């Protein structure tokens, strides 16, 4: 961990081999502060390059509105019973809201690691 630079470095454990590479869109989202929001941005990703920020409110994911979820839908999402996107998706369409402006973005999946793992 590099606290001053706000970076966490990941290293593969020698006793655990990765079975496959991980596909990503360069961000994660979660429910916090009363809304579905961008939870993390991968450095160098397209999500970072187009200006998405941690905390941006998400109104729509892949055409499904998520800005007015019921308490039951929120609980189902938090417990993994509802998914708005999947790791097999080739693209991710988001409508985000920040500083009074709504923005539609399209992200394409890529492998997180440049090398392939068996």
PDB file of N, CA and C in Angstrom:
ATOM      1  N   UNK A   1       0.836  -1.173   0.000  1.00  0.00           N
ATOM      2  CA  UNK A   1       0.000   0.000   0.000  1.00  0.00           C
ATOM      3  C   UNK A   1       0.882   1.238   0.000  1.00  0.00           C
ATOM      4  N   UNK A   2       0.461   2.179  -0.780  1.00  0.00           N
ATOM      5  CA  UNK A   2       1.161   3.455  -0.857  1.00  0.00           C
ATOM      6  C   UNK A   2       0.142   4.522  -0.474  1.00  0.00           C
ATOM      7  N   UNK A   3       0.051   4.811   0.826  1.00  0.00           N
ATOM      8  CA  UNK A   3      -0.967   5.738   1.325  1.00  0.00           C
ATOM      9  C   UNK A   3      -0.851   7.143   0.741  1.00  0.00           C
ATOM     10  N   UNK A   4       0.322   7.745   0.664  1.00  0.00           N
ATOM     11  CA  UNK A   4       0.401   9.106   0.108  1.00  0.00           C
ATOM     12  C   UNK A   4      -0.102   9.189  -1.339  1.00  0.00           C
ATOM     13  N   UNK A   5       0.146   8.139  -2.133  1.00  0.00           N
ATOM     14  CA  UNK A   5      -0.294   8.141  -3.533  1.00  0.00           C
ATOM     15  C   UNK A   5      -1.671   7.511  -3.709  1.00  0.00           C
ATOM     16  N   UNK A   6      -2.254   6.990  -2.610  1.00  0.00           N
ATOM     17  CA  UNK A   6      -3.567   6.340  -2.626  1.00  0.00           C
ATOM     18  C   UNK A   6      -3.599   5.177  -3.617  1.00  0.00           C
ATOM     19  N   UNK A   7      -2.576   4.325  -3.552  1.00  0.00           N
ATOM     20  CA  UNK A   7      -2.461   3.180  -4.441  1.00  0.00           C
ATOM     21  C   UNK A   7      -2.356   1.897  -3.635  1.00  0.00           C
ATOM     22  N   UNK A   8      -2.953   0.839  -4.147  1.00  0.00           N
ATOM     23  CA  UNK A   8      -2.825  -0.493  -3.578  1.00  0.00           C
ATOM     24  C   UNK A   8      -2.251  -1.375  -4.675  1.00  0.00           C
ATOM     25  N   UNK A   9      -1.175  -2.075  -4.382  1.00  0.00           N
ATOM     26  CA  UNK A   9      -0.552  -2.968  -5.341  1.00  0.00           C
ATOM     27  C   UNK A   9      -0.973  -4.395  -5.027  1.00  0.00           C
ATOM     28  N   UNK A  10      -1.390  -5.124  -6.055  1.00  0.00           N
ATOM     29  CA  UNK A  10      -1.814  -6.504  -5.893  1.00  0.00           C
ATOM     30  C   UNK A  10      -0.737  -7.423  -6.450  1.00  0.00           C
ATOM     31  N   UNK A  11      -0.484  -8.509  -5.733  1.00  0.00           N
ATOM     32  CA  UNK A  11       0.486  -9.489  -6.182  1.00  0.00           C
ATOM     33  C   UNK A  11      -0.140 -10.862  -6.039  1.00  0.00           C
ATOM     34  N   UNK A  12       0.049 -11.683  -7.052  1.00  0.00           N
ATOM     35  CA  UNK A  12      -0.476 -13.034  -6.996  1.00  0.00           C
ATOM     36  C   UNK A  12       0.233 -13.820  -5.906  1.00  0.00           C
ATOM     37  N   UNK A  13      -0.539 -14.525  -5.093  1.00  0.00           N
ATOM     38  CA  UNK A  13       0.046 -15.368  -4.062  1.00  0.00           C
ATOM     39  C   UNK A  13       0.628 -16.613  -4.703  1.00  0.00           C
ATOM     40  N   UNK A  14       1.789 -17.043  -4.230  1.00  0.00           N
ATOM     41  CA  UNK A  14       2.444 -18.218  -4.803  1.00  0.00           C
ATOM     42  C   UNK A  14       1.639 -19.491  -4.572  1.00  0.00           C
ATOM     43  N   UNK A  15       0.878 -19.553  -3.482  1.00  0.00           N
ATOM     44  CA  UNK A  15       0.121 -20.766  -3.166  1.00  0.00           C
ATOM     45  C   UNK A  15      -1.260 -20.796  -3.821  1.00  0.00           C
ATOM     46  N   UNK A  16      -1.630 -19.751  -4.566  1.00  0.00           N
ATOM     47  CA  UNK A  16      -2.934 -19.716  -5.238  1.00  0.00           C
ATOM     48  C   UNK A  16      -2.741 -19.226  -6.667  1.00  0.00           C
ATOM     49  N   UNK A  17      -3.034 -20.065  -7.605  1.00  0.00           N
ATOM     50  CA  UNK A  17      -2.910 -19.706  -9.015  1.00  0.00           C
ATOM     51  C   UNK A  17      -4.264 -19.224  -9.533  1.00  0.00           C
ATOM     52  N   UNK A  18      -4.238 -18.178 -10.338  1.00  0.00           N
ATOM     53  CA  UNK A  18      -5.456 -17.700 -10.972  1.00  0.00           C
ATOM     54  C   UNK A  18      -5.879 -18.686 -12.041  1.00  0.00           C
ATOM     55  N   UNK A  19      -7.178 -18.966 -12.101  1.00  0.00           N
ATOM     56  CA  UNK A  19      -7.671 -19.922 -13.082  1.00  0.00           C
ATOM     57  C   UNK A  19      -7.907 -19.265 -14.435  1.00  0.00           C
ATOM     58  N   UNK A  20      -8.175 -17.981 -14.440  1.00  0.00           N
ATOM     59  CA  UNK A  20      -8.417 -17.272 -15.693  1.00  0.00           C
ATOM     60  C   UNK A  20      -8.189 -15.785 -15.482  1.00  0.00           C
ATOM     61  N   UNK A  21      -8.103 -15.096 -16.563  1.00  0.00           N
ATOM     62  CA  UNK A  21      -7.949 -13.648 -16.500  1.00  0.00           C
ATOM     63  C   UNK A  21      -9.300 -13.020 -16.188  1.00  0.00           C
ATOM     64  N   UNK A  22      -9.290 -11.828 -15.680  1.00  0.00           N
ATOM     65  CA  UNK A  22     -10.517 -11.153 -15.270  1.00  0.00           C
ATOM     66  C   UNK A  22     -10.874 -10.088 -16.293  1.00  0.00           C
ATOM     67  N   UNK A  23     -12.132 -10.098 -16.753  1.00  0.00           N
ATOM     68  CA  UNK A  23     -12.617  -9.056 -17.653  1.00  0.00           C
ATOM     69  C   UNK A  23     -13.202  -7.935 -16.798  1.00  0.00           C
ATOM     70  N   UNK A  24     -13.011  -6.701 -17.230  1.00  0.00           N
ATOM     71  CA  UNK A  24     -13.489  -5.548 -16.477  1.00  0.00           C
ATOM     72  C   UNK A  24     -13.898  -4.432 -17.431  1.00  0.00           C
ATOM     73  N   UNK A  25     -14.607  -3.476 -16.885  1.00  0.00           N
ATOM     74  CA  UNK A  25     -14.942  -2.253 -17.615  1.00  0.00           C
ATOM     75  C   UNK A  25     -14.132  -1.072 -17.084  1.00  0.00           C
ATOM     76  N   UNK A  26     -13.256  -1.340 -16.125  1.00  0.00           N
ATOM     77  CA  UNK A  26     -12.409  -0.294 -15.568  1.00  0.00           C
ATOM     78  C   UNK A  26     -13.028   0.428 -14.390  1.00  0.00           C
ATOM     79  N   UNK A  27     -14.144  -0.101 -13.886  1.00  0.00           N
ATOM     80  CA  UNK A  27     -14.794   0.503 -12.726  1.00  0.00           C
ATOM     81  C   UNK A  27     -15.633  -0.542 -12.022  1.00  0.00           C
ATOM     82  N   UNK A  28     -16.001  -0.229 -10.816  1.00  0.00           N
ATOM     83  CA  UNK A  28     -17.009  -1.006 -10.104  1.00  0.00           C
ATOM     84  C   UNK A  28     -18.072  -0.034  -9.621  1.00  0.00           C
ATOM     85  N   UNK A  29     -19.262  -0.560  -9.371  1.00  0.00           N
ATOM     86  CA  UNK A  29     -20.320   0.275  -8.810  1.00  0.00           C
ATOM     87  C   UNK A  29     -20.960  -0.466  -7.652  1.00  0.00           C
ATOM     88  N   UNK A  30     -21.551   0.322  -6.744  1.00  0.00           N
ATOM     89  CA  UNK A  30     -22.169  -0.252  -5.554  1.00  0.00           C
ATOM     90  C   UNK A  30     -23.232   0.721  -5.066  1.00  0.00           C
ATOM     91  N   UNK A  31     -23.956   0.324  -4.043  1.00  0.00           N
ATOM     92  CA  UNK A  31     -24.975   1.190  -3.455  1.00  0.00           C
ATOM     93  C   UNK A  31     -24.411   1.820  -2.192  1.00  0.00           C
ATOM     94  N   UNK A  32     -24.293   3.151  -2.177  1.00  0.00           N
ATOM     95  CA  UNK A  32     -23.896   3.865  -0.967  1.00  0.00           C
ATOM     96  C   UNK A  32     -24.383   5.307  -1.071  1.00  0.00           C
ATOM     97  N   UNK A  33     -24.505   5.947   0.069  1.00  0.00           N
ATOM     98  CA  UNK A  33     -25.016   7.318   0.151  1.00  0.00           C
ATOM     99  C   UNK A  33     -26.352   7.477  -0.572  1.00  0.00           C
ATOM    100  N   UNK A  34     -27.203   6.455  -0.468  1.00  0.00           N
ATOM    101  CA  UNK A  34     -28.555   6.539  -0.998  1.00  0.00           C
ATOM    102  C   UNK A  34     -28.712   6.370  -2.490  1.00  0.00           C
ATOM    103  N   UNK A  35     -27.685   5.865  -3.185  1.00  0.00           N
ATOM    104  CA  UNK A  35     -27.791   5.692  -4.631  1.00  0.00           C
ATOM    105  C   UNK A  35     -26.789   4.648  -5.130  1.00  0.00           C
ATOM    106  N   UNK A  36     -27.041   4.138  -6.321  1.00  0.00           N
ATOM    107  CA  UNK A  36     -26.033   3.335  -7.008  1.00  0.00           C
ATOM    108  C   UNK A  36     -24.991   4.330  -7.503  1.00  0.00           C
ATOM    109  N   UNK A  37     -23.735   4.090  -7.150  1.00  0.00           N
ATOM    110  CA  UNK A  37     -22.668   5.040  -7.475  1.00  0.00           C
ATOM    111  C   UNK A  37     -21.420   4.300  -7.969  1.00  0.00           C
ATOM    112  N   UNK A  38     -20.580   5.043  -8.667  1.00  0.00           N
ATOM    113  CA  UNK A  38     -19.275   4.517  -9.048  1.00  0.00           C
ATOM    114  C   UNK A  38     -18.492   4.314  -7.748  1.00  0.00           C
ATOM    115  N   UNK A  39     -18.024   3.078  -7.534  1.00  0.00           N
ATOM    116  CA  UNK A  39     -17.335   2.747  -6.282  1.00  0.00           C
ATOM    117  C   UNK A  39     -15.822   2.755  -6.438  1.00  0.00           C
ATOM    118  N   UNK A  40     -15.326   2.391  -7.612  1.00  0.00           N
ATOM    119  CA  UNK A  40     -13.888   2.414  -7.857  1.00  0.00           C
ATOM    120  C   UNK A  40     -13.625   2.613  -9.344  1.00  0.00           C
ATOM    121  N   UNK A  41     -12.461   3.183  -9.628  1.00  0.00           N
ATOM    122  CA  UNK A  41     -12.015   3.421 -11.004  1.00  0.00           C
ATOM    123  C   UNK A  41     -10.616   2.827 -11.125  1.00  0.00           C
ATOM    124  N   UNK A  42     -10.387   2.024 -12.159  1.00  0.00           N
ATOM    125  CA  UNK A  42      -9.065   1.450 -12.369  1.00  0.00           C
ATOM    126  C   UNK A  42      -8.188   2.465 -13.086  1.00  0.00           C
ATOM    127  N   UNK A  43      -7.007   2.683 -12.549  1.00  0.00           N
ATOM    128  CA  UNK A  43      -6.070   3.634 -13.129  1.00  0.00           C
ATOM    129  C   UNK A  43      -5.737   3.244 -14.569  1.00  0.00           C
ATOM    130  N   UNK A  44      -5.796   4.217 -15.463  1.00  0.00           N
ATOM    131  CA  UNK A  44      -5.475   3.989 -16.870  1.00  0.00           C
ATOM    132  C   UNK A  44      -6.615   3.433 -17.688  1.00  0.00           C
ATOM    133  N   UNK A  45      -7.749   3.163 -17.054  1.00  0.00           N
ATOM    134  CA  UNK A  45      -8.887   2.589 -17.772  1.00  0.00           C
ATOM    135  C   UNK A  45      -9.611   3.654 -18.592  1.00  0.00           C
ATOM    136  N   UNK A  46     -10.442   3.200 -19.503  1.00  0.00           N
ATOM    137  CA  UNK A  46     -11.253   4.122 -20.295  1.00  0.00           C
ATOM    138  C   UNK A  46     -12.202   4.899 -19.377  1.00  0.00           C
ATOM    139  N   UNK A  47     -12.689   4.256 -18.318  1.00  0.00           N
ATOM    140  CA  UNK A  47     -13.562   4.934 -17.360  1.00  0.00           C
ATOM    141  C   UNK A  47     -12.865   6.150 -16.759  1.00  0.00           C
ATOM    142  N   UNK A  48     -11.589   5.999 -16.423  1.00  0.00           N
ATOM    143  CA  UNK A  48     -10.818   7.119 -15.890  1.00  0.00           C
ATOM    144  C   UNK A  48     -10.589   8.176 -16.974  1.00  0.00           C
ATOM    145  N   UNK A  49     -10.236   7.724 -18.169  1.00  0.00           N
ATOM    146  CA  UNK A  49      -9.929   8.649 -19.260  1.00  0.00           C
ATOM    147  C   UNK A  49     -11.117   9.523 -19.662  1.00  0.00           C
ATOM    148  N   UNK A  50     -12.346   8.979 -19.566  1.00  0.00           N
ATOM    149  CA  UNK A  50     -13.513   9.789 -19.952  1.00  0.00           C
ATOM    150  C   UNK A  50     -14.019  10.655 -18.802  1.00  0.00           C
ATOM    151  N   UNK A  51     -13.354  10.551 -17.643  1.00  0.00           N
ATOM    152  CA  UNK A  51     -13.654  11.467 -16.552  1.00  0.00           C
ATOM    153  C   UNK A  51     -14.621  10.991 -15.499  1.00  0.00           C
ATOM    154  N   UNK A  52     -14.951   9.694 -15.481  1.00  0.00           N
ATOM    155  CA  UNK A  52     -15.807   9.208 -14.397  1.00  0.00           C
ATOM    156  C   UNK A  52     -15.060   9.337 -13.084  1.00  0.00           C
ATOM    157  N   UNK A  53     -15.811   9.609 -12.027  1.00  0.00           N
ATOM    158  CA  UNK A  53     -15.225   9.808 -10.700  1.00  0.00           C
ATOM    159  C   UNK A  53     -15.927   8.922  -9.689  1.00  0.00           C
ATOM    160  N   UNK A  54     -15.179   8.497  -8.676  1.00  0.00           N
ATOM    161  CA  UNK A  54     -15.779   7.749  -7.575  1.00  0.00           C
ATOM    162  C   UNK A  54     -16.850   8.632  -6.944  1.00  0.00           C
ATOM    163  N   UNK A  55     -18.022   8.058  -6.731  1.00  0.00           N
ATOM    164  CA  UNK A  55     -19.135   8.798  -6.135  1.00  0.00           C
ATOM    165  C   UNK A  55     -20.136   9.308  -7.143  1.00  0.00           C
ATOM    166  N   UNK A  56     -19.802   9.285  -8.447  1.00  0.00           N
ATOM    167  CA  UNK A  56     -20.786   9.690  -9.457  1.00  0.00           C
ATOM    168  C   UNK A  56     -22.043   8.845  -9.297  1.00  0.00           C
ATOM    169  N   UNK A  57     -23.208   9.474  -9.287  1.00  0.00           N
ATOM    170  CA  UNK A  57     -24.479   8.750  -9.224  1.00  0.00           C
ATOM    171  C   UNK A  57     -24.754   8.099 -10.565  1.00  0.00           C
ATOM    172  N   UNK A  58     -25.255   6.885 -10.524  1.00  0.00           N
ATOM    173  CA  UNK A  58     -25.617   6.168 -11.744  1.00  0.00           C
ATOM    174  C   UNK A  58     -27.139   6.093 -11.802  1.00  0.00           C
ATOM    175  N   UNK A  59     -27.713   6.584 -12.904  1.00  0.00           N
ATOM    176  CA  UNK A  59     -29.162   6.556 -13.098  1.00  0.00           C
ATOM    177  C   UNK A  59     -29.622   5.356 -13.903  1.00  0.00           C
ATOM    178  N   UNK A  60     -28.756   4.865 -14.771  1.00  0.00           N
ATOM    179  CA  UNK A  60     -29.149   3.787 -15.668  1.00  0.00           C
ATOM    180  C   UNK A  60     -27.947   2.910 -15.969  1.00  0.00           C
ATOM    181  N   UNK A  61     -28.185   1.589 -15.961  1.00  0.00           N
ATOM    182  CA  UNK A  61     -27.149   0.614 -16.306  1.00  0.00           C
ATOM    183  C   UNK A  61     -27.716  -0.301 -17.375  1.00  0.00           C
ATOM    184  N   UNK A  62     -27.084  -0.305 -18.535  1.00  0.00           N
ATOM    185  CA  UNK A  62     -27.530  -1.145 -19.658  1.00  0.00           C
ATOM    186  C   UNK A  62     -29.023  -1.005 -19.924  1.00  0.00           C
ATOM    187  N   UNK A  63     -29.504   0.227 -19.907  1.00  0.00           N
ATOM    188  CA  UNK A  63     -30.903   0.512 -20.221  1.00  0.00           C
ATOM    189  C   UNK A  63     -31.876   0.325 -19.071  1.00  0.00           C
ATOM    190  N   UNK A  64     -31.396  -0.144 -17.926  1.00  0.00           N
ATOM    191  CA  UNK A  64     -32.271  -0.356 -16.766  1.00  0.00           C
ATOM    192  C   UNK A  64     -32.097   0.796 -15.784  1.00  0.00           C
ATOM    193  N   UNK A  65     -33.195   1.478 -15.488  1.00  0.00           N
ATOM    194  CA  UNK A  65     -33.141   2.595 -14.551  1.00  0.00           C
ATOM    195  C   UNK A  65     -32.854   2.070 -13.140  1.00  0.00           C
ATOM    196  N   UNK A  66     -31.899   2.725 -12.456  1.00  0.00           N
ATOM    197  CA  UNK A  66     -31.511   2.296 -11.113  1.00  0.00           C
ATOM    198  C   UNK A  66     -31.542   3.460 -10.124  1.00  0.00           C
ATOM    199  N   UNK A  67     -32.143   4.572 -10.516  1.00  0.00           N
ATOM    200  CA  UNK A  67     -32.129   5.759  -9.654  1.00  0.00           C
ATOM    201  C   UNK A  67     -33.275   5.789  -8.654  1.00  0.00           C
ATOM    202  N   UNK A  68     -34.226   4.875  -8.754  1.00  0.00           N
ATOM    203  CA  UNK A  68     -35.375   4.899  -7.847  1.00  0.00           C
ATOM    204  C   UNK A  68     -35.735   3.470  -7.440  1.00  0.00           C
ATOM    205  N   UNK A  69     -34.750   2.750  -6.913  1.00  0.00           N
ATOM    206  CA  UNK A  69     -34.965   1.361  -6.519  1.00  0.00           C
ATOM    207  C   UNK A  69     -35.728   1.281  -5.204  1.00  0.00           C
ATOM    208  N   UNK A  70     -36.543   0.244  -5.076  1.00  0.00           N
ATOM    209  CA  UNK A  70     -37.244   0.003  -3.815  1.00  0.00           C
ATOM    210  C   UNK A  70     -36.249  -0.538  -2.797  1.00  0.00           C
ATOM    211  N   UNK A  71     -36.627  -0.512  -1.531  1.00  0.00           N
ATOM    212  CA  UNK A  71     -35.762  -1.050  -0.473  1.00  0.00           C
ATOM    213  C   UNK A  71     -35.472  -2.532  -0.726  1.00  0.00           C
ATOM    214  N   UNK A  72     -36.459  -3.273  -1.205  1.00  0.00           N
ATOM    215  CA  UNK A  72     -36.260  -4.698  -1.493  1.00  0.00           C
ATOM    216  C   UNK A  72     -35.271  -4.877  -2.646  1.00  0.00           C
ATOM    217  N   UNK A  73     -35.369  -4.066  -3.695  1.00  0.00           N
ATOM    218  CA  UNK A  73     -34.428  -4.148  -4.813  1.00  0.00           C
ATOM    219  C   UNK A  73     -33.012  -3.807  -4.358  1.00  0.00           C
ATOM    220  N   UNK A  74     -32.885  -2.823  -3.505  1.00  0.00           N
ATOM    221  CA  UNK A  74     -31.564  -2.450  -2.980  1.00  0.00           C
ATOM    222  C   UNK A  74     -30.972  -3.611  -2.196  1.00  0.00           C
ATOM    223  N   UNK A  75     -31.750  -4.218  -1.323  1.00  0.00           N
ATOM    224  CA  UNK A  75     -31.272  -5.349  -0.533  1.00  0.00           C
ATOM    225  C   UNK A  75     -30.896  -6.524  -1.429  1.00  0.00           C
ATOM    226  N   UNK A  76     -31.715  -6.792  -2.460  1.00  0.00           N
ATOM    227  CA  UNK A  76     -31.403  -7.873  -3.398  1.00  0.00           C
ATOM    228  C   UNK A  76     -30.106  -7.588  -4.152  1.00  0.00           C
ATOM    229  N   UNK A  77     -29.882  -6.336  -4.535  1.00  0.00           N
ATOM    230  CA  UNK A  77     -28.640  -5.963  -5.207  1.00  0.00           C
ATOM    231  C   UNK A  77     -27.461  -6.163  -4.267  1.00  0.00           C
ATOM    232  N   UNK A  78     -27.574  -5.681  -3.039  1.00  0.00           N
ATOM    233  CA  UNK A  78     -26.485  -5.790  -2.070  1.00  0.00           C
ATOM    234  C   UNK A  78     -26.150  -7.242  -1.730  1.00  0.00           C
ATOM    235  N   UNK A  79     -27.136  -8.134  -1.849  1.00  0.00           N
ATOM    236  CA  UNK A  79     -26.921  -9.553  -1.553  1.00  0.00           C
ATOM    237  C   UNK A  79     -26.655 -10.368  -2.817  1.00  0.00           C
ATOM    238  N   UNK A  80     -26.448  -9.705  -3.948  1.00  0.00           N
ATOM    239  CA  UNK A  80     -26.092 -10.395  -5.183  1.00  0.00           C
ATOM    240  C   UNK A  80     -27.228 -11.100  -5.892  1.00  0.00           C
ATOM    241  N   UNK A  81     -28.464 -10.804  -5.507  1.00  0.00           N
ATOM    242  CA  UNK A  81     -29.613 -11.448  -6.141  1.00  0.00           C
ATOM    243  C   UNK A  81     -30.075 -10.708  -7.390  1.00  0.00           C
ATOM    244  N   UNK A  82     -29.658  -9.460  -7.539  1.00  0.00           N
ATOM    245  CA  UNK A  82     -29.945  -8.656  -8.730  1.00  0.00           C
ATOM    246  C   UNK A  82     -28.604  -8.197  -9.297  1.00  0.00           C
ATOM    247  N   UNK A  83     -28.419  -8.397 -10.582  1.00  0.00           N
ATOM    248  CA  UNK A  83     -27.225  -7.915 -11.269  1.00  0.00           C
ATOM    249  C   UNK A  83     -27.662  -7.017 -12.415  1.00  0.00           C
ATOM    250  N   UNK A  84     -27.060  -5.865 -12.519  1.00  0.00           N
ATOM    251  CA  UNK A  84     -27.387  -4.944 -13.604  1.00  0.00           C
ATOM    252  C   UNK A  84     -26.433  -5.110 -14.778  1.00  0.00           C
ATOM    253  N   UNK A  85     -25.308  -5.773 -14.547  1.00  0.00           N
ATOM    254  CA  UNK A  85     -24.364  -6.103 -15.605  1.00  0.00           C
ATOM    255  C   UNK A  85     -23.692  -7.409 -15.224  1.00  0.00           C
ATOM    256  N   UNK A  86     -23.063  -8.041 -16.214  1.00  0.00           N
ATOM    257  CA  UNK A  86     -22.429  -9.337 -15.993  1.00  0.00           C
ATOM    258  C   UNK A  86     -21.013  -9.328 -16.533  1.00  0.00           C
ATOM    259  N   UNK A  87     -20.168 -10.189 -15.989  1.00  0.00           N
ATOM    260  CA  UNK A  87     -18.770 -10.216 -16.436  1.00  0.00           C
ATOM    261  C   UNK A  87     -18.619 -10.751 -17.853  1.00  0.00           C
ATOM    262  N   UNK A  88     -19.678 -11.293 -18.431  1.00  0.00           N
ATOM    263  CA  UNK A  88     -19.633 -11.761 -19.815  1.00  0.00           C
ATOM    264  C   UNK A  88     -20.080 -10.682 -20.805  1.00  0.00           C
ATOM    265  N   UNK A  89     -20.593  -9.556 -20.296  1.00  0.00           N
ATOM    266  CA  UNK A  89     -21.021  -8.466 -21.172  1.00  0.00           C
ATOM    267  C   UNK A  89     -19.819  -7.890 -21.911  1.00  0.00           C
ATOM    268  N   UNK A  90     -19.994  -7.597 -23.171  1.00  0.00           N
ATOM    269  CA  UNK A  90     -18.916  -6.984 -23.966  1.00  0.00           C
ATOM    270  C   UNK A  90     -18.889  -5.467 -23.770  1.00  0.00           C
ATOM    271  N   UNK A  91     -20.048  -4.880 -23.451  1.00  0.00           N
ATOM    272  CA  UNK A  91     -20.094  -3.432 -23.240  1.00  0.00           C
ATOM    273  C   UNK A  91     -20.980  -3.114 -22.047  1.00  0.00           C
ATOM    274  N   UNK A  92     -20.784  -1.930 -21.520  1.00  0.00           N
ATOM    275  CA  UNK A  92     -21.543  -1.445 -20.375  1.00  0.00           C
ATOM    276  C   UNK A  92     -21.976  -0.022 -20.684  1.00  0.00           C
ATOM    277  N   UNK A  93     -23.274   0.196 -20.688  1.00  0.00           N
ATOM    278  CA  UNK A  93     -23.825   1.519 -20.947  1.00  0.00           C
ATOM    279  C   UNK A  93     -24.308   2.104 -19.622  1.00  0.00           C
ATOM    280  N   UNK A  94     -23.838   3.305 -19.316  1.00  0.00           N
ATOM    281  CA  UNK A  94     -24.209   3.974 -18.072  1.00  0.00           C
ATOM    282  C   UNK A  94     -24.735   5.370 -18.362  1.00  0.00           C
ATOM    283  N   UNK A  95     -25.693   5.797 -17.554  1.00  0.00           N
ATOM    284  CA  UNK A  95     -26.073   7.204 -17.498  1.00  0.00           C
ATOM    285  C   UNK A  95     -25.700   7.650 -16.097  1.00  0.00           C
ATOM    286  N   UNK A  96     -24.733   8.579 -16.016  1.00  0.00           N
ATOM    287  CA  UNK A  96     -24.233   9.056 -14.722  1.00  0.00           C
ATOM    288  C   UNK A  96     -24.608  10.515 -14.533  1.00  0.00           C
ATOM    289  N   UNK A  97     -24.593  10.938 -13.284  1.00  0.00           N
ATOM    290  CA  UNK A  97     -24.975  12.304 -12.933  1.00  0.00           C
ATOM    291  C   UNK A  97     -23.942  12.869 -11.975  1.00  0.00           C
ATOM    292  N   UNK A  98     -23.387  14.029 -12.335  1.00  0.00           N
ATOM    293  CA  UNK A  98     -22.433  14.708 -11.466  1.00  0.00           C
ATOM    294  C   UNK A  98     -22.541  16.208 -11.704  1.00  0.00           C
ATOM    295  N   UNK A  99     -22.532  16.952 -10.606  1.00  0.00           N
ATOM    296  CA  UNK A  99     -22.552  18.418 -10.676  1.00  0.00           C
ATOM    297  C   UNK A  99     -23.667  18.954 -11.567  1.00  0.00           C
ATOM    298  N   UNK A 100     -24.848  18.370 -11.444  1.00  0.00           N
ATOM    299  CA  UNK A 100     -26.004  18.860 -12.194  1.00  0.00           C
ATOM    300  C   UNK A 100     -26.038  18.456 -13.652  1.00  0.00           C
ATOM    301  N   UNK A 101     -25.128  17.603 -14.078  1.00  0.00           N
ATOM    302  CA  UNK A 101     -25.074  17.210 -15.486  1.00  0.00           C
ATOM    303  C   UNK A 101     -25.204  15.701 -15.625  1.00  0.00           C
ATOM    304  N   UNK A 102     -26.069  15.300 -16.555  1.00  0.00           N
ATOM    305  CA  UNK A 102     -26.243  13.895 -16.881  1.00  0.00           C
ATOM    306  C   UNK A 102     -25.367  13.565 -18.085  1.00  0.00           C
ATOM    307  N   UNK A 103     -24.725  12.396 -18.039  1.00  0.00           N
ATOM    308  CA  UNK A 103     -23.820  12.009 -19.115  1.00  0.00           C
ATOM    309  C   UNK A 103     -24.015  10.526 -19.413  1.00  0.00           C
ATOM    310  N   UNK A 104     -24.163  10.192 -20.701  1.00  0.00           N
ATOM    311  CA  UNK A 104     -24.259   8.786 -21.100  1.00  0.00           C
ATOM    312  C   UNK A 104     -22.890   8.341 -21.584  1.00  0.00           C
ATOM    313  N   UNK A 105     -22.438   7.185 -21.075  1.00  0.00           N
ATOM    314  CA  UNK A 105     -21.144   6.650 -21.461  1.00  0.00           C
ATOM    315  C   UNK A 105     -21.282   5.181 -21.844  1.00  0.00           C
ATOM    316  N   UNK A 106     -20.445   4.758 -22.750  1.00  0.00           N
ATOM    317  CA  UNK A 106     -20.385   3.361 -23.184  1.00  0.00           C
ATOM    318  C   UNK A 106     -18.958   2.884 -22.956  1.00  0.00           C
ATOM    319  N   UNK A 107     -18.818   1.817 -22.176  1.00  0.00           N
ATOM    320  CA  UNK A 107     -17.501   1.236 -21.893  1.00  0.00           C
ATOM    321  C   UNK A 107     -17.451  -0.174 -22.465  1.00  0.00           C
ATOM    322  N   UNK A 108     -16.275  -0.585 -22.890  1.00  0.00           N
ATOM    323  CA  UNK A 108     -16.094  -1.916 -23.452  1.00  0.00           C
ATOM    324  C   UNK A 108     -15.178  -2.719 -22.549  1.00  0.00           C
ATOM    325  N   UNK A 109     -15.491  -3.997 -22.396  1.00  0.00           N
ATOM    326  CA  UNK A 109     -14.722  -4.830 -21.478  1.00  0.00           C
ATOM    327  C   UNK A 109     -13.344  -5.148 -22.050  1.00  0.00           C
ATOM    328  N   UNK A 110     -12.425  -5.396 -21.137  1.00  0.00           N
ATOM    329  CA  UNK A 110     -11.053  -5.772 -21.502  1.00  0.00           C
ATOM    330  C   UNK A 110     -10.507  -6.656 -20.393  1.00  0.00           C
ATOM    331  N   UNK A 111      -9.415  -7.350 -20.696  1.00  0.00           N
ATOM    332  CA  UNK A 111      -8.779  -8.185 -19.677  1.00  0.00           C
ATOM    333  C   UNK A 111      -7.965  -7.310 -18.737  1.00  0.00           C
ATOM    334  N   UNK A 112      -8.153  -7.515 -17.455  1.00  0.00           N
ATOM    335  CA  UNK A 112      -7.472  -6.725 -16.442  1.00  0.00           C
ATOM    336  C   UNK A 112      -5.954  -6.916 -16.507  1.00  0.00           C
ATOM    337  N   UNK A 113      -5.523  -8.139 -16.742  1.00  0.00           N
ATOM    338  CA  UNK A 113      -4.098  -8.427 -16.817  1.00  0.00           C
ATOM    339  C   UNK A 113      -3.705  -8.619 -18.268  1.00  0.00           C
ATOM    340  N   UNK A 114      -2.558  -8.103 -18.657  1.00  0.00           N
ATOM    341  CA  UNK A 114      -2.128  -8.186 -20.051  1.00  0.00           C
ATOM    342  C   UNK A 114      -1.721  -9.608 -20.432  1.00  0.00           C
ATOM    343  N   UNK A 115      -1.227 -10.364 -19.475  1.00  0.00           N
ATOM    344  CA  UNK A 115      -0.818 -11.730 -19.774  1.00  0.00           C
ATOM    345  C   UNK A 115      -1.939 -12.690 -19.430  1.00  0.00           C
ATOM    346  N   UNK A 116      -1.979 -13.834 -20.081  1.00  0.00           N
ATOM    347  CA  UNK A 116      -3.006 -14.838 -19.829  1.00  0.00           C
ATOM    348  C   UNK A 116      -2.541 -15.757 -18.712  1.00  0.00           C
ATOM    349  N   UNK A 117      -3.481 -16.171 -17.903  1.00  0.00           N
ATOM    350  CA  UNK A 117      -3.199 -17.101 -16.820  1.00  0.00           C
ATOM    351  C   UNK A 117      -3.934 -18.398 -17.100  1.00  0.00           C
ATOM    352  N   UNK A 118      -3.348 -19.510 -16.733  1.00  0.00           N
ATOM    353  CA  UNK A 118      -4.006 -20.818 -16.905  1.00  0.00           C
ATOM    354  C   UNK A 118      -4.678 -21.243 -15.637  1.00  0.00           C
TER     355      UNK A 118
END
